[in-house]
Amino acid sequence: AASAEDYLVILIDTAGHKELDGAAVRTLLQRNVEGLIVAAEFHR
């Protein structure tokens, strides 16, 4: 869906380590992402 709108999705998977979430988001923001998607492994 992003590609169809000429957008690129950059993925970081924290492998269930919640303490890495903040660092992952900071890394993405430092790369000037325009939006953020937070994906859960199941509905929660």
PDB file of all heavy atoms in Angstrom:
ATOM      1  N   ALA A   1       0.826  -1.207   0.000  1.00  0.00           N
ATOM      2  CA  ALA A   1       0.000   0.000   0.000  1.00  0.00           C
ATOM      3  C   ALA A   1       0.855   1.250   0.000  1.00  0.00           C
ATOM      4  O   ALA A   1       0.556   2.226  -0.694  1.00  0.00           O
ATOM      5  CB  ALA A   1      -0.929  -0.001   1.215  1.00  0.00           C
ATOM      6  N   ALA A   2       1.941   1.238   0.761  1.00  0.00           N
ATOM      7  CA  ALA A   2       2.835   2.391   0.793  1.00  0.00           C
ATOM      8  C   ALA A   2       3.529   2.586  -0.545  1.00  0.00           C
ATOM      9  O   ALA A   2       3.632   3.709  -1.053  1.00  0.00           O
ATOM     10  CB  ALA A   2       3.866   2.211   1.906  1.00  0.00           C
ATOM     11  N   SER A   3       3.972   1.497  -1.140  1.00  0.00           N
ATOM     12  CA  SER A   3       4.662   1.579  -2.431  1.00  0.00           C
ATOM     13  C   SER A   3       3.764   2.166  -3.510  1.00  0.00           C
ATOM     14  O   SER A   3       4.213   2.933  -4.369  1.00  0.00           O
ATOM     15  CB  SER A   3       5.141   0.186  -2.853  1.00  0.00           C
ATOM     16  OG  SER A   3       5.752   0.216  -4.122  1.00  0.00           O
ATOM     17  N   ALA A   4       2.474   1.828  -3.452  1.00  0.00           N
ATOM     18  CA  ALA A   4       1.525   2.357  -4.439  1.00  0.00           C
ATOM     19  C   ALA A   4       1.400   3.871  -4.343  1.00  0.00           C
ATOM     20  O   ALA A   4       1.002   4.531  -5.310  1.00  0.00           O
ATOM     21  CB  ALA A   4       0.156   1.712  -4.246  1.00  0.00           C
ATOM     22  N   GLU A   5       1.762   4.439  -3.189  1.00  0.00           N
ATOM     23  CA  GLU A   5       1.710   5.892  -2.993  1.00  0.00           C
ATOM     24  C   GLU A   5       3.111   6.500  -2.996  1.00  0.00           C
ATOM     25  O   GLU A   5       3.310   7.631  -2.546  1.00  0.00           O
ATOM     26  CB  GLU A   5       1.013   6.205  -1.667  1.00  0.00           C
ATOM     27  CG  GLU A   5      -0.421   5.721  -1.577  1.00  0.00           C
ATOM     28  CD  GLU A   5      -1.358   6.478  -2.504  1.00  0.00           C
ATOM     29  OE1 GLU A   5      -1.024   7.611  -2.882  1.00  0.00           O
ATOM     30  OE2 GLU A   5      -2.419   5.928  -2.857  1.00  0.00           O
ATOM     31  N   ASP A   6       4.092   5.732  -3.503  1.00  0.00           N
ATOM     32  CA  ASP A   6       5.491   6.184  -3.571  1.00  0.00           C
ATOM     33  C   ASP A   6       6.088   6.429  -2.191  1.00  0.00           C
ATOM     34  O   ASP A   6       6.918   7.331  -2.001  1.00  0.00           O
ATOM     35  CB  ASP A   6       5.621   7.448  -4.437  1.00  0.00           C
ATOM     36  CG  ASP A   6       5.324   7.169  -5.903  1.00  0.00           C
ATOM     37  OD1 ASP A   6       5.674   6.073  -6.373  1.00  0.00           O
ATOM     38  OD2 ASP A   6       4.731   8.030  -6.562  1.00  0.00           O
ATOM     39  N   TYR A   7       5.673   5.621  -1.225  1.00  0.00           N
ATOM     40  CA  TYR A   7       6.261   5.661   0.113  1.00  0.00           C
ATOM     41  C   TYR A   7       7.024   4.371   0.357  1.00  0.00           C
ATOM     42  O   TYR A   7       6.716   3.328  -0.215  1.00  0.00           O
ATOM     43  CB  TYR A   7       5.179   5.833   1.185  1.00  0.00           C
ATOM     44  CG  TYR A   7       4.792   7.271   1.444  1.00  0.00           C
ATOM     45  CD1 TYR A   7       3.951   7.947   0.568  1.00  0.00           C
ATOM     46  CD2 TYR A   7       5.267   7.954   2.556  1.00  0.00           C
ATOM     47  CE1 TYR A   7       3.591   9.268   0.792  1.00  0.00           C
ATOM     48  CE2 TYR A   7       4.907   9.276   2.792  1.00  0.00           C
ATOM     49  CZ  TYR A   7       4.080   9.926   1.914  1.00  0.00           C
ATOM     50  OH  TYR A   7       3.731  11.240   2.136  1.00  0.00           O
ATOM     51  N   LEU A   8       8.015   4.467   1.222  1.00  0.00           N
ATOM     52  CA  LEU A   8       8.819   3.313   1.618  1.00  0.00           C
ATOM     53  C   LEU A   8       8.564   3.023   3.086  1.00  0.00           C
ATOM     54  O   LEU A   8       8.473   3.946   3.901  1.00  0.00           O
ATOM     55  CB  LEU A   8      10.310   3.615   1.407  1.00  0.00           C
ATOM     56  CG  LEU A   8      11.306   2.551   1.876  1.00  0.00           C
ATOM     57  CD1 LEU A   8      11.204   1.308   0.982  1.00  0.00           C
ATOM     58  CD2 LEU A   8      12.729   3.105   1.851  1.00  0.00           C
ATOM     59  N   VAL A   9       8.447   1.735   3.446  1.00  0.00           N
ATOM     60  CA  VAL A   9       8.287   1.323   4.835  1.00  0.00           C
ATOM     61  C   VAL A   9       9.612   0.781   5.343  1.00  0.00           C
ATOM     62  O   VAL A   9      10.207  -0.115   4.730  1.00  0.00           O
ATOM     63  CB  VAL A   9       7.190   0.250   4.981  1.00  0.00           C
ATOM     64  CG1 VAL A   9       7.143  -0.269   6.429  1.00  0.00           C
ATOM     65  CG2 VAL A   9       5.830   0.812   4.589  1.00  0.00           C
ATOM     66  N   ILE A  10      10.097   1.345   6.449  1.00  0.00           N
ATOM     67  CA  ILE A  10      11.304   0.853   7.109  1.00  0.00           C
ATOM     68  C   ILE A  10      10.875   0.099   8.364  1.00  0.00           C
ATOM     69  O   ILE A  10      10.207   0.657   9.230  1.00  0.00           O
ATOM     70  CB  ILE A  10      12.251   2.002   7.493  1.00  0.00           C
ATOM     71  CG1 ILE A  10      12.732   2.743   6.246  1.00  0.00           C
ATOM     72  CG2 ILE A  10      13.457   1.461   8.263  1.00  0.00           C
ATOM     73  CD1 ILE A  10      13.647   3.912   6.548  1.00  0.00           C
ATOM     74  N   LEU A  11      11.261  -1.164   8.464  1.00  0.00           N
ATOM     75  CA  LEU A  11      10.821  -2.029   9.556  1.00  0.00           C
ATOM     76  C   LEU A  11      11.934  -2.260  10.566  1.00  0.00           C
ATOM     77  O   LEU A  11      13.077  -2.545  10.201  1.00  0.00           O
ATOM     78  CB  LEU A  11      10.364  -3.384   8.992  1.00  0.00           C
ATOM     79  CG  LEU A  11      10.196  -4.534   9.989  1.00  0.00           C
ATOM     80  CD1 LEU A  11       9.028  -4.265  10.933  1.00  0.00           C
ATOM     81  CD2 LEU A  11      10.019  -5.861   9.264  1.00  0.00           C
ATOM     82  N   ILE A  12      11.567  -2.148  11.852  1.00  0.00           N
ATOM     83  CA  ILE A  12      12.433  -2.603  12.940  1.00  0.00           C
ATOM     84  C   ILE A  12      11.601  -3.535  13.809  1.00  0.00           C
ATOM     85  O   ILE A  12      10.551  -3.140  14.327  1.00  0.00           O
ATOM     86  CB  ILE A  12      12.973  -1.442  13.798  1.00  0.00           C
ATOM     87  CG1 ILE A  12      13.847  -0.505  12.959  1.00  0.00           C
ATOM     88  CG2 ILE A  12      13.778  -1.987  14.983  1.00  0.00           C
ATOM     89  CD1 ILE A  12      14.405   0.671  13.745  1.00  0.00           C
ATOM     90  N   ASP A  13      12.047  -4.784  13.953  1.00  0.00           N
ATOM     91  CA  ASP A  13      11.353  -5.750  14.800  1.00  0.00           C
ATOM     92  C   ASP A  13      12.138  -5.897  16.100  1.00  0.00           C
ATOM     93  O   ASP A  13      13.325  -6.243  16.071  1.00  0.00           O
ATOM     94  CB  ASP A  13      11.227  -7.094  14.086  1.00  0.00           C
ATOM     95  CG  ASP A  13      10.266  -8.031  14.814  1.00  0.00           C
ATOM     96  OD1 ASP A  13      10.599  -8.473  15.932  1.00  0.00           O
ATOM     97  OD2 ASP A  13       9.193  -8.296  14.272  1.00  0.00           O
ATOM     98  N   THR A  14      11.493  -5.629  17.234  1.00  0.00           N
ATOM     99  CA  THR A  14      12.180  -5.669  18.527  1.00  0.00           C
ATOM    100  C   THR A  14      12.182  -7.054  19.159  1.00  0.00           C
ATOM    101  O   THR A  14      12.658  -7.213  20.281  1.00  0.00           O
ATOM    102  CB  THR A  14      11.538  -4.667  19.505  1.00  0.00           C
ATOM    103  OG1 THR A  14      10.164  -4.995  19.688  1.00  0.00           O
ATOM    104  CG2 THR A  14      11.646  -3.241  18.963  1.00  0.00           C
ATOM    105  N   ALA A  15      11.629  -8.042  18.457  1.00  0.00           N
ATOM    106  CA  ALA A  15      11.652  -9.444  18.913  1.00  0.00           C
ATOM    107  C   ALA A  15      11.093  -9.617  20.314  1.00  0.00           C
ATOM    108  O   ALA A  15      11.544 -10.462  21.086  1.00  0.00           O
ATOM    109  CB  ALA A  15      13.074  -9.994  18.842  1.00  0.00           C
ATOM    110  N   GLY A  16      10.090  -8.800  20.662  1.00  0.00           N
ATOM    111  CA  GLY A  16       9.443  -8.938  21.958  1.00  0.00           C
ATOM    112  C   GLY A  16      10.158  -8.265  23.108  1.00  0.00           C
ATOM    113  O   GLY A  16       9.704  -8.352  24.255  1.00  0.00           O
ATOM    114  N   HIS A  17      11.265  -7.579  22.856  1.00  0.00           N
ATOM    115  CA  HIS A  17      12.010  -6.887  23.908  1.00  0.00           C
ATOM    116  C   HIS A  17      11.486  -5.456  24.025  1.00  0.00           C
ATOM    117  O   HIS A  17      11.897  -4.558  23.288  1.00  0.00           O
ATOM    118  CB  HIS A  17      13.504  -6.895  23.598  1.00  0.00           C
ATOM    119  CG  HIS A  17      14.098  -8.264  23.542  1.00  0.00           C
ATOM    120  ND1 HIS A  17      14.341  -9.034  24.668  1.00  0.00           N
ATOM    121  CD2 HIS A  17      14.497  -9.027  22.487  1.00  0.00           C
ATOM    122  CE1 HIS A  17      14.863 -10.193  24.321  1.00  0.00           C
ATOM    123  NE2 HIS A  17      14.968 -10.216  23.003  1.00  0.00           N
ATOM    124  N   LYS A  18      10.579  -5.242  24.990  1.00  0.00           N
ATOM    125  CA  LYS A  18       9.931  -3.941  25.132  1.00  0.00           C
ATOM    126  C   LYS A  18      10.939  -2.827  25.381  1.00  0.00           C
ATOM    127  O   LYS A  18      10.708  -1.683  24.995  1.00  0.00           O
ATOM    128  CB  LYS A  18       8.924  -3.987  26.275  1.00  0.00           C
ATOM    129  CG  LYS A  18       7.743  -4.912  26.033  1.00  0.00           C
ATOM    130  CD  LYS A  18       6.897  -4.431  24.875  1.00  0.00           C
ATOM    131  CE  LYS A  18       6.243  -3.092  25.147  1.00  0.00           C
ATOM    132  NZ  LYS A  18       5.423  -2.623  24.002  1.00  0.00           N
ATOM    133  N   GLU A  19      12.061  -3.141  26.026  1.00  0.00           N
ATOM    134  CA  GLU A  19      13.040  -2.101  26.332  1.00  0.00           C
ATOM    135  C   GLU A  19      13.697  -1.519  25.075  1.00  0.00           C
ATOM    136  O   GLU A  19      14.330  -0.467  25.130  1.00  0.00           O
ATOM    137  CB  GLU A  19      14.118  -2.651  27.270  1.00  0.00           C
ATOM    138  CG  GLU A  19      15.052  -3.689  26.658  1.00  0.00           C
ATOM    139  CD  GLU A  19      14.517  -5.108  26.679  1.00  0.00           C
ATOM    140  OE1 GLU A  19      13.310  -5.273  27.007  1.00  0.00           O
ATOM    141  OE2 GLU A  19      15.279  -6.038  26.380  1.00  0.00           O
ATOM    142  N   LEU A  20      13.518  -2.199  23.944  1.00  0.00           N
ATOM    143  CA  LEU A  20      14.103  -1.718  22.696  1.00  0.00           C
ATOM    144  C   LEU A  20      13.162  -0.807  21.916  1.00  0.00           C
ATOM    145  O   LEU A  20      13.586  -0.195  20.925  1.00  0.00           O
ATOM    146  CB  LEU A  20      14.502  -2.900  21.813  1.00  0.00           C
ATOM    147  CG  LEU A  20      15.543  -3.859  22.380  1.00  0.00           C
ATOM    148  CD1 LEU A  20      15.822  -4.984  21.384  1.00  0.00           C
ATOM    149  CD2 LEU A  20      16.831  -3.129  22.725  1.00  0.00           C
ATOM    150  N   ASP A  21      11.901  -0.709  22.340  1.00  0.00           N
ATOM    151  CA  ASP A  21      10.929   0.073  21.584  1.00  0.00           C
ATOM    152  C   ASP A  21      11.356   1.532  21.442  1.00  0.00           C
ATOM    153  O   ASP A  21      11.290   2.113  20.365  1.00  0.00           O
ATOM    154  CB  ASP A  21       9.548   0.003  22.244  1.00  0.00           C
ATOM    155  CG  ASP A  21       8.869  -1.347  22.036  1.00  0.00           C
ATOM    156  OD1 ASP A  21       9.433  -2.170  21.289  1.00  0.00           O
ATOM    157  OD2 ASP A  21       7.803  -1.562  22.619  1.00  0.00           O
ATOM    158  N   GLY A  22      11.770   2.135  22.560  1.00  0.00           N
ATOM    159  CA  GLY A  22      12.155   3.540  22.519  1.00  0.00           C
ATOM    160  C   GLY A  22      13.317   3.786  21.574  1.00  0.00           C
ATOM    161  O   GLY A  22      13.304   4.726  20.782  1.00  0.00           O
ATOM    162  N   ALA A  23      14.327   2.928  21.654  1.00  0.00           N
ATOM    163  CA  ALA A  23      15.495   3.080  20.777  1.00  0.00           C
ATOM    164  C   ALA A  23      15.102   2.896  19.316  1.00  0.00           C
ATOM    165  O   ALA A  23      15.611   3.595  18.430  1.00  0.00           O
ATOM    166  CB  ALA A  23      16.573   2.076  21.178  1.00  0.00           C
ATOM    167  N   ALA A  24      14.192   1.948  19.048  1.00  0.00           N
ATOM    168  CA  ALA A  24      13.759   1.709  17.671  1.00  0.00           C
ATOM    169  C   ALA A  24      13.050   2.933  17.112  1.00  0.00           C
ATOM    170  O   ALA A  24      13.302   3.347  15.968  1.00  0.00           O
ATOM    171  CB  ALA A  24      12.837   0.489  17.621  1.00  0.00           C
ATOM    172  N   VAL A  25      12.165   3.532  17.903  1.00  0.00           N
ATOM    173  CA  VAL A  25      11.434   4.711  17.448  1.00  0.00           C
ATOM    174  C   VAL A  25      12.391   5.879  17.233  1.00  0.00           C
ATOM    175  O   VAL A  25      12.295   6.602  16.235  1.00  0.00           O
ATOM    176  CB  VAL A  25      10.330   5.085  18.457  1.00  0.00           C
ATOM    177  CG1 VAL A  25       9.712   6.431  18.097  1.00  0.00           C
ATOM    178  CG2 VAL A  25       9.258   4.006  18.469  1.00  0.00           C
ATOM    179  N   ARG A  26      13.336   6.074  18.146  1.00  0.00           N
ATOM    180  CA  ARG A  26      14.304   7.160  17.980  1.00  0.00           C
ATOM    181  C   ARG A  26      15.119   6.977  16.705  1.00  0.00           C
ATOM    182  O   ARG A  26      15.381   7.934  15.967  1.00  0.00           O
ATOM    183  CB  ARG A  26      15.230   7.236  19.195  1.00  0.00           C
ATOM    184  CG  ARG A  26      14.561   7.786  20.446  1.00  0.00           C
ATOM    185  CD  ARG A  26      15.586   8.123  21.504  1.00  0.00           C
ATOM    186  NE  ARG A  26      16.305   6.937  21.969  1.00  0.00           N
ATOM    187  CZ  ARG A  26      15.873   6.155  22.958  1.00  0.00           C
ATOM    188  NH1 ARG A  26      14.728   6.416  23.566  1.00  0.00           N
ATOM    189  NH2 ARG A  26      16.595   5.105  23.342  1.00  0.00           N
ATOM    190  N   THR A  27      15.497   5.736  16.430  1.00  0.00           N
ATOM    191  CA  THR A  27      16.267   5.457  15.211  1.00  0.00           C
ATOM    192  C   THR A  27      15.470   5.836  13.964  1.00  0.00           C
ATOM    193  O   THR A  27      16.010   6.430  13.027  1.00  0.00           O
ATOM    194  CB  THR A  27      16.643   3.967  15.160  1.00  0.00           C
ATOM    195  OG1 THR A  27      17.491   3.665  16.275  1.00  0.00           O
ATOM    196  CG2 THR A  27      17.366   3.623  13.865  1.00  0.00           C
ATOM    197  N   LEU A  28      14.192   5.504  13.971  1.00  0.00           N
ATOM    198  CA  LEU A  28      13.350   5.823  12.816  1.00  0.00           C
ATOM    199  C   LEU A  28      13.139   7.328  12.690  1.00  0.00           C
ATOM    200  O   LEU A  28      13.205   7.890  11.582  1.00  0.00           O
ATOM    201  CB  LEU A  28      12.010   5.102  12.937  1.00  0.00           C
ATOM    202  CG  LEU A  28      12.062   3.572  12.791  1.00  0.00           C
ATOM    203  CD1 LEU A  28      10.731   2.953  13.191  1.00  0.00           C
ATOM    204  CD2 LEU A  28      12.433   3.181  11.369  1.00  0.00           C
ATOM    205  N   LEU A  29      12.892   8.008  13.802  1.00  0.00           N
ATOM    206  CA  LEU A  29      12.676   9.457  13.749  1.00  0.00           C
ATOM    207  C   LEU A  29      13.932  10.179  13.287  1.00  0.00           C
ATOM    208  O   LEU A  29      13.852  11.198  12.578  1.00  0.00           O
ATOM    209  CB  LEU A  29      12.238   9.969  15.120  1.00  0.00           C
ATOM    210  CG  LEU A  29      10.864   9.505  15.601  1.00  0.00           C
ATOM    211  CD1 LEU A  29      10.601   9.988  17.030  1.00  0.00           C
ATOM    212  CD2 LEU A  29       9.761  10.012  14.674  1.00  0.00           C
ATOM    213  N   GLN A  30      15.092   9.669  13.658  1.00  0.00           N
ATOM    214  CA  GLN A  30      16.349  10.277  13.214  1.00  0.00           C
ATOM    215  C   GLN A  30      16.540  10.135  11.709  1.00  0.00           C
ATOM    216  O   GLN A  30      17.324  10.877  11.112  1.00  0.00           O
ATOM    217  CB  GLN A  30      17.526   9.649  13.962  1.00  0.00           C
ATOM    218  CG  GLN A  30      17.606  10.074  15.425  1.00  0.00           C
ATOM    219  CD  GLN A  30      18.558   9.204  16.229  1.00  0.00           C
ATOM    220  OE1 GLN A  30      19.112   8.225  15.721  1.00  0.00           O
ATOM    221  NE2 GLN A  30      18.744   9.550  17.494  1.00  0.00           N
ATOM    222  N   ARG A  31      15.834   9.201  11.120  1.00  0.00           N
ATOM    223  CA  ARG A  31      15.880   9.021   9.669  1.00  0.00           C
ATOM    224  C   ARG A  31      14.727   9.733   8.973  1.00  0.00           C
ATOM    225  O   ARG A  31      14.406   9.452   7.830  1.00  0.00           O
ATOM    226  CB  ARG A  31      15.904   7.533   9.327  1.00  0.00           C
ATOM    227  CG  ARG A  31      17.304   6.946   9.490  1.00  0.00           C
ATOM    228  CD  ARG A  31      17.311   5.477   9.796  1.00  0.00           C
ATOM    229  NE  ARG A  31      18.683   5.004   9.924  1.00  0.00           N
ATOM    230  CZ  ARG A  31      19.449   5.199  11.011  1.00  0.00           C
ATOM    231  NH1 ARG A  31      18.960   5.850  12.049  1.00  0.00           N
ATOM    232  NH2 ARG A  31      20.691   4.745  11.049  1.00  0.00           N
ATOM    233  N   ASN A  32      14.110  10.636   9.699  1.00  0.00           N
ATOM    234  CA  ASN A  32      13.132  11.563   9.113  1.00  0.00           C
ATOM    235  C   ASN A  32      11.885  10.861   8.587  1.00  0.00           C
ATOM    236  O   ASN A  32      11.309  11.291   7.581  1.00  0.00           O
ATOM    237  CB  ASN A  32      13.787  12.386   7.987  1.00  0.00           C
ATOM    238  CG  ASN A  32      13.071  13.701   7.749  1.00  0.00           C
ATOM    239  OD1 ASN A  32      12.505  14.283   8.664  1.00  0.00           O
ATOM    240  ND2 ASN A  32      13.090  14.172   6.509  1.00  0.00           N
ATOM    241  N   VAL A  33      11.447   9.778   9.266  1.00  0.00           N
ATOM    242  CA  VAL A  33      10.190   9.156   8.835  1.00  0.00           C
ATOM    243  C   VAL A  33       9.061  10.148   9.053  1.00  0.00           C
ATOM    244  O   VAL A  33       9.066  10.939   9.999  1.00  0.00           O
ATOM    245  CB  VAL A  33       9.915   7.838   9.587  1.00  0.00           C
ATOM    246  CG1 VAL A  33      10.988   6.809   9.294  1.00  0.00           C
ATOM    247  CG2 VAL A  33       9.778   8.078  11.083  1.00  0.00           C
ATOM    248  N   GLU A  34       8.071  10.095   8.180  1.00  0.00           N
ATOM    249  CA  GLU A  34       6.954  11.036   8.255  1.00  0.00           C
ATOM    250  C   GLU A  34       5.781  10.494   9.067  1.00  0.00           C
ATOM    251  O   GLU A  34       4.908  11.253   9.486  1.00  0.00           O
ATOM    252  CB  GLU A  34       6.476  11.389   6.845  1.00  0.00           C
ATOM    253  CG  GLU A  34       7.507  12.146   6.020  1.00  0.00           C
ATOM    254  CD  GLU A  34       6.945  12.570   4.683  1.00  0.00           C
ATOM    255  OE1 GLU A  34       5.988  13.365   4.656  1.00  0.00           O
ATOM    256  OE2 GLU A  34       7.463  12.082   3.660  1.00  0.00           O
ATOM    257  N   GLY A  35       5.731   9.189   9.256  1.00  0.00           N
ATOM    258  CA  GLY A  35       4.665   8.561  10.023  1.00  0.00           C
ATOM    259  C   GLY A  35       5.187   7.308  10.687  1.00  0.00           C
ATOM    260  O   GLY A  35       6.249   6.795  10.319  1.00  0.00           O
ATOM    261  N   LEU A  36       4.444   6.804  11.652  1.00  0.00           N
ATOM    262  CA  LEU A  36       4.880   5.624  12.401  1.00  0.00           C
ATOM    263  C   LEU A  36       3.725   4.629  12.516  1.00  0.00           C
ATOM    264  O   LEU A  36       2.597   5.006  12.845  1.00  0.00           O
ATOM    265  CB  LEU A  36       5.344   6.028  13.799  1.00  0.00           C
ATOM    266  CG  LEU A  36       5.877   4.907  14.695  1.00  0.00           C
ATOM    267  CD1 LEU A  36       7.202   4.384  14.151  1.00  0.00           C
ATOM    268  CD2 LEU A  36       6.063   5.415  16.129  1.00  0.00           C
ATOM    269  N   ILE A  37       4.020   3.355  12.233  1.00  0.00           N
ATOM    270  CA  ILE A  37       3.071   2.259  12.450  1.00  0.00           C
ATOM    271  C   ILE A  37       3.640   1.375  13.545  1.00  0.00           C
ATOM    272  O   ILE A  37       4.802   0.960  13.479  1.00  0.00           O
ATOM    273  CB  ILE A  37       2.856   1.434  11.165  1.00  0.00           C
ATOM    274  CG1 ILE A  37       2.230   2.294  10.068  1.00  0.00           C
ATOM    275  CG2 ILE A  37       1.962   0.228  11.453  1.00  0.00           C
ATOM    276  CD1 ILE A  37       2.128   1.586   8.722  1.00  0.00           C
ATOM    277  N   VAL A  38       2.836   1.106  14.568  1.00  0.00           N
ATOM    278  CA  VAL A  38       3.231   0.206  15.650  1.00  0.00           C
ATOM    279  C   VAL A  38       2.415  -1.075  15.502  1.00  0.00           C
ATOM    280  O   VAL A  38       1.189  -1.058  15.630  1.00  0.00           O
ATOM    281  CB  VAL A  38       2.984   0.846  17.029  1.00  0.00           C
ATOM    282  CG1 VAL A  38       3.390  -0.123  18.142  1.00  0.00           C
ATOM    283  CG2 VAL A  38       3.755   2.156  17.159  1.00  0.00           C
ATOM    284  N   ALA A  39       3.085  -2.189  15.186  1.00  0.00           N
ATOM    285  CA  ALA A  39       2.394  -3.450  14.895  1.00  0.00           C
ATOM    286  C   ALA A  39       2.552  -4.423  16.058  1.00  0.00           C
ATOM    287  O   ALA A  39       3.658  -4.628  16.565  1.00  0.00           O
ATOM    288  CB  ALA A  39       2.948  -4.067  13.617  1.00  0.00           C
ATOM    289  N   ALA A  40       1.431  -5.020  16.482  1.00  0.00           N
ATOM    290  CA  ALA A  40       1.437  -6.032  17.538  1.00  0.00           C
ATOM    291  C   ALA A  40       1.352  -7.424  16.929  1.00  0.00           C
ATOM    292  O   ALA A  40       0.790  -7.606  15.848  1.00  0.00           O
ATOM    293  CB  ALA A  40       0.262  -5.808  18.496  1.00  0.00           C
ATOM    294  N   GLU A  41       1.913  -8.422  17.647  1.00  0.00           N
ATOM    295  CA  GLU A  41       1.913  -9.778  17.092  1.00  0.00           C
ATOM    296  C   GLU A  41       0.560 -10.452  17.220  1.00  0.00           C
ATOM    297  O   GLU A  41       0.298 -11.461  16.580  1.00  0.00           O
ATOM    298  CB  GLU A  41       3.021 -10.628  17.735  1.00  0.00           C
ATOM    299  CG  GLU A  41       2.702 -11.198  19.108  1.00  0.00           C
ATOM    300  CD  GLU A  41       2.997 -10.220  20.232  1.00  0.00           C
ATOM    301  OE1 GLU A  41       2.997  -8.996  19.996  1.00  0.00           O
ATOM    302  OE2 GLU A  41       3.219 -10.694  21.361  1.00  0.00           O
ATOM    303  N   PHE A  42      -0.319  -9.916  18.078  1.00  0.00           N
ATOM    304  CA  PHE A  42      -1.706 -10.374  18.138  1.00  0.00           C
ATOM    305  C   PHE A  42      -2.546  -9.231  18.697  1.00  0.00           C
ATOM    306  O   PHE A  42      -2.016  -8.260  19.269  1.00  0.00           O
ATOM    307  CB  PHE A  42      -1.853 -11.643  18.992  1.00  0.00           C
ATOM    308  CG  PHE A  42      -1.430 -11.486  20.427  1.00  0.00           C
ATOM    309  CD1 PHE A  42      -2.319 -11.026  21.395  1.00  0.00           C
ATOM    310  CD2 PHE A  42      -0.137 -11.794  20.820  1.00  0.00           C
ATOM    311  CE1 PHE A  42      -1.932 -10.880  22.717  1.00  0.00           C
ATOM    312  CE2 PHE A  42       0.260 -11.648  22.149  1.00  0.00           C
ATOM    313  CZ  PHE A  42      -0.638 -11.184  23.095  1.00  0.00           C
ATOM    314  N   HIS A  43      -3.858  -9.328  18.522  1.00  0.00           N
ATOM    315  CA  HIS A  43      -4.774  -8.273  18.937  1.00  0.00           C
ATOM    316  C   HIS A  43      -4.681  -8.075  20.449  1.00  0.00           C
ATOM    317  O   HIS A  43      -5.065  -8.930  21.232  1.00  0.00           O
ATOM    318  CB  HIS A  43      -6.193  -8.685  18.530  1.00  0.00           C
ATOM    319  CG  HIS A  43      -7.239  -7.669  18.858  1.00  0.00           C
ATOM    320  ND1 HIS A  43      -8.567  -7.863  18.554  1.00  0.00           N
ATOM    321  CD2 HIS A  43      -7.179  -6.453  19.452  1.00  0.00           C
ATOM    322  CE1 HIS A  43      -9.274  -6.820  18.951  1.00  0.00           C
ATOM    323  NE2 HIS A  43      -8.447  -5.955  19.504  1.00  0.00           N
ATOM    324  N   ARG A  44      -4.161  -6.927  20.862  1.00  0.00           N
ATOM    325  CA  ARG A  44      -4.004  -6.628  22.283  1.00  0.00           C
ATOM    326  C   ARG A  44      -3.902  -5.121  22.479  1.00  0.00           C
ATOM    327  O   ARG A  44      -3.846  -4.356  21.522  1.00  0.00           O
ATOM    328  CB  ARG A  44      -2.755  -7.305  22.846  1.00  0.00           C
ATOM    329  CG  ARG A  44      -1.443  -6.846  22.213  1.00  0.00           C
ATOM    330  CD  ARG A  44      -0.258  -7.520  22.875  1.00  0.00           C
ATOM    331  NE  ARG A  44       1.013  -7.149  22.260  1.00  0.00           N
ATOM    332  CZ  ARG A  44       1.666  -6.014  22.512  1.00  0.00           C
ATOM    333  NH1 ARG A  44       1.159  -5.125  23.355  1.00  0.00           N
ATOM    334  NH2 ARG A  44       2.822  -5.752  21.916  1.00  0.00           N
TER     335      ARG A  44
END
